[in-house]
Amino acid sequence: MTTVYLEKDQVPTQLLGNYTGRKFQATATKSVTLSNAYWDGGTRSTYRLIRLSDGQIASIGNTNPPQFGGPVKRETVPVTQGFAVVEHSIFCGKDMGLTFHVNPADIAKLLPEPVELSDAERIVLKCTASYKSSYRKQEISRLGLSDDEREAAIAACVERGFMRANRSISPAGRNAL
């Protein structure tokens, strides 16, 4: 499954709905299993089926829990070309953003151009994506970068848009990995 991370300005407005957050990703898939469609331990996902051409919302099936007439087994919905299943996830009370499940034929326009990264840039991006800030410097040093090389790589990543000024990784940086 291909996952692409997106900035808000890269998301077509018809897919946003009422969502005002900034976490977006798209996955190429031919079907989606509707899981966590009702509150359970602070976790829930809501689903909408949207036609990409005009933003029309279509019915997606029964997402009630089994005790209220919903299916006992998780329902799987096909993702046909020209449609997207938009999943808004809340995990343990934390908003995880929107995931756009689109047909592999439709995701091509969302795929970023391939980029070349230096070894130092790749190390900095991987450590930024994988470690808390308090462990990041130690791990980068363990992987062989000096403090000057680390700072130069961070500056290059910020300049190329792979990291933000606050040294957090951007969606473009996640896609570059």
Protein backbone atom coordinates (compact mmCIF):
# COMPACT_ATOMS: atom_id res chain seq x y z
CA MET A 1 0.00 0.00 0.00
CA THR A 2 1.40 3.40 -1.03
CA THR A 3 1.00 6.23 1.49
CA VAL A 4 1.44 9.87 0.53
CA TYR A 5 1.50 12.65 3.13
CA LEU A 6 -0.19 15.89 2.09
CA GLU A 7 -0.23 19.56 3.04
CA LYS A 8 -3.66 21.15 3.40
CA ASP A 9 -3.27 23.12 0.16
CA GLN A 10 -2.70 19.84 -1.75
CA VAL A 11 -6.08 18.41 -0.66
CA PRO A 12 -9.08 19.05 -2.94
CA THR A 13 -11.64 21.11 -1.01
CA GLN A 14 -14.46 18.61 -1.63
CA LEU A 15 -12.53 16.01 0.41
CA LEU A 16 -12.04 18.23 3.47
CA GLY A 17 -15.66 18.52 4.61
CA ASN A 18 -15.72 20.33 7.98
CA TYR A 19 -12.23 19.21 9.00
CA THR A 20 -9.97 22.11 10.03
CA GLY A 21 -6.86 20.19 11.13
CA ARG A 22 -3.59 19.76 9.23
CA LYS A 23 -2.94 15.99 9.18
CA PHE A 24 -3.59 14.40 5.81
CA GLN A 25 -2.49 11.25 4.05
CA ALA A 26 -3.62 9.33 1.02
CA THR A 27 -3.32 5.59 0.47
CA ALA A 28 -3.67 3.64 -2.75
CA THR A 29 -5.97 0.69 -2.16
CA LYS A 30 -8.77 -1.22 -3.84
CA SER A 31 -10.80 -1.78 -0.66
CA VAL A 32 -11.20 -0.41 2.87
CA THR A 33 -12.29 -2.33 5.95
CA LEU A 34 -14.51 -0.16 8.13
CA SER A 35 -13.03 -0.59 11.58
CA ASN A 36 -13.53 1.35 14.81
CA ALA A 37 -16.66 2.89 13.33
CA TYR A 38 -18.11 3.50 16.81
CA TRP A 39 -16.62 4.82 20.06
CA ASP A 40 -14.55 2.23 21.89
CA GLY A 41 -11.98 3.31 24.48
CA GLY A 42 -11.66 6.82 23.11
CA THR A 43 -11.07 5.54 19.57
CA ARG A 44 -13.35 6.03 16.59
CA SER A 45 -13.17 6.38 12.82
CA THR A 46 -15.84 7.96 10.65
CA TYR A 47 -16.07 7.24 6.95
CA ARG A 48 -17.45 9.09 3.93
CA LEU A 49 -17.52 7.90 0.32
CA ILE A 50 -16.95 10.87 -1.99
CA ARG A 51 -17.03 11.11 -5.76
CA LEU A 52 -13.79 12.85 -6.79
CA SER A 53 -15.22 14.69 -9.78
CA ASP A 54 -17.88 16.73 -7.98
CA GLY A 55 -17.61 15.99 -4.24
CA GLN A 56 -20.96 14.19 -3.95
CA ILE A 57 -21.19 12.07 -0.81
CA ALA A 58 -22.52 8.54 -1.28
CA SER A 59 -23.80 5.99 1.23
CA ILE A 60 -21.09 3.84 2.77
CA GLY A 61 -22.98 1.18 4.69
CA ASN A 62 -23.95 0.46 8.28
CA THR A 63 -21.36 1.66 10.81
CA ASN A 64 -23.37 1.00 13.99
CA PRO A 65 -21.94 -1.33 16.64
CA PRO A 66 -23.30 -4.90 16.64
CA GLN A 67 -25.46 -4.31 19.73
CA PHE A 68 -27.31 -1.55 17.84
CA GLY A 69 -27.95 -3.43 14.60
CA GLY A 70 -24.56 -3.09 12.97
CA PRO A 71 -22.65 -5.92 11.34
CA VAL A 72 -20.94 -8.52 13.52
CA LYS A 73 -18.00 -8.76 11.08
CA ARG A 74 -16.19 -5.68 9.83
CA GLU A 75 -17.53 -4.51 6.51
CA THR A 76 -15.15 -4.13 3.54
CA VAL A 77 -15.98 -1.43 1.00
CA PRO A 78 -14.46 -1.48 -2.51
CA VAL A 79 -12.70 1.71 -3.63
CA THR A 80 -13.64 2.11 -7.26
CA GLN A 81 -11.95 4.47 -9.67
CA GLY A 82 -13.28 8.02 -9.38
CA PHE A 83 -14.22 7.68 -5.69
CA ALA A 84 -12.40 8.14 -2.38
CA VAL A 85 -13.21 6.81 1.07
CA VAL A 86 -12.37 9.57 3.55
CA GLU A 87 -11.55 8.27 7.03
CA HIS A 88 -11.35 10.65 10.01
CA SER A 89 -9.65 8.87 12.91
CA ILE A 90 -9.58 9.67 16.60
CA PHE A 91 -7.18 7.38 18.49
CA CYS A 92 -7.33 7.39 22.30
CA GLY A 93 -8.83 10.87 22.16
CA LYS A 94 -6.17 12.29 19.79
CA ASP A 95 -7.13 13.52 16.33
CA MET A 96 -5.10 11.51 13.81
CA GLY A 97 -6.34 13.46 10.79
CA LEU A 98 -7.91 12.44 7.51
CA THR A 99 -6.87 9.46 5.43
CA PHE A 100 -8.00 9.41 1.81
CA HIS A 101 -8.30 5.85 0.52
CA VAL A 102 -8.23 6.14 -3.27
CA ASN A 103 -7.98 3.69 -6.13
CA PRO A 104 -4.37 3.20 -7.34
CA ALA A 105 -5.37 4.67 -10.71
CA ASP A 106 -6.45 7.92 -9.00
CA ILE A 107 -3.48 8.38 -6.65
CA ALA A 108 -1.00 9.10 -9.44
CA LYS A 109 -1.75 12.84 -9.37
CA LEU A 110 -1.02 12.96 -5.61
CA LEU A 111 2.36 11.22 -5.81
CA PRO A 112 5.33 13.53 -5.26
CA GLU A 113 8.26 13.76 -7.63
CA PRO A 114 11.16 11.54 -6.53
CA VAL A 115 13.91 13.50 -4.78
CA GLU A 116 17.58 12.81 -4.16
CA LEU A 117 18.74 13.03 -0.55
CA SER A 118 22.27 13.08 0.74
CA ASP A 119 23.16 10.48 3.37
CA ALA A 120 23.20 13.20 6.06
CA GLU A 121 19.77 14.51 5.00
CA ARG A 122 18.33 10.99 5.02
CA ILE A 123 19.71 10.32 8.53
CA VAL A 124 18.34 13.61 9.87
CA LEU A 125 14.90 13.02 8.32
CA LYS A 126 14.67 9.41 9.53
CA CYS A 127 15.68 10.37 13.06
CA THR A 128 13.28 13.32 13.07
CA ALA A 129 10.43 11.08 11.94
CA SER A 130 11.32 8.26 14.36
CA TYR A 131 12.59 9.76 17.61
CA LYS A 132 11.50 12.28 20.20
CA SER A 133 13.59 15.44 20.12
CA SER A 134 15.40 14.51 23.35
CA TYR A 135 16.80 11.32 21.71
CA ARG A 136 17.29 12.64 18.18
CA LYS A 137 20.71 14.30 18.60
CA GLN A 138 22.12 11.21 20.33
CA GLU A 139 20.86 8.88 17.59
CA ILE A 140 22.17 11.10 14.79
CA SER A 141 25.60 11.14 16.48
CA ARG A 142 25.47 7.35 16.87
CA LEU A 143 24.86 7.05 13.13
CA GLY A 144 28.09 8.91 12.40
CA LEU A 145 27.22 12.58 11.87
CA SER A 146 29.15 15.29 13.69
CA ASP A 147 27.34 18.29 15.16
CA ASP A 148 28.39 20.47 12.20
CA GLU A 149 27.22 17.86 9.64
CA ARG A 150 23.92 17.50 11.52
CA GLU A 151 23.31 21.26 11.55
CA ALA A 152 24.21 21.56 7.85
CA ALA A 153 21.83 18.71 6.98
CA ILE A 154 19.02 20.26 9.05
CA ALA A 155 19.57 23.63 7.33
CA ALA A 156 19.46 21.91 3.92
CA CYS A 157 16.25 20.06 4.84
CA VAL A 158 14.60 23.29 6.05
CA GLU A 159 15.67 25.07 2.86
CA ARG A 160 14.28 22.27 0.66
CA GLY A 161 10.99 22.19 2.60
CA PHE A 162 11.53 18.76 4.13
CA MET A 163 11.58 20.23 7.65
CA ARG A 164 9.86 23.22 9.19
CA ALA A 165 11.73 26.08 10.87
CA ASN A 166 10.96 24.50 14.26
CA ARG A 167 12.83 21.37 13.08
CA SER A 168 9.76 19.17 12.78
CA ILE A 169 9.39 17.01 9.70
CA SER A 170 7.00 18.22 6.99
CA PRO A 171 4.80 16.02 4.79
CA ALA A 172 7.28 16.60 1.95
CA GLY A 173 10.03 15.23 4.23
CA ARG A 174 7.98 12.14 5.06
CA ASN A 175 7.35 11.56 1.36
CA ALA A 176 11.08 11.97 0.58
CA LEU A 177 11.89 9.03 2.83
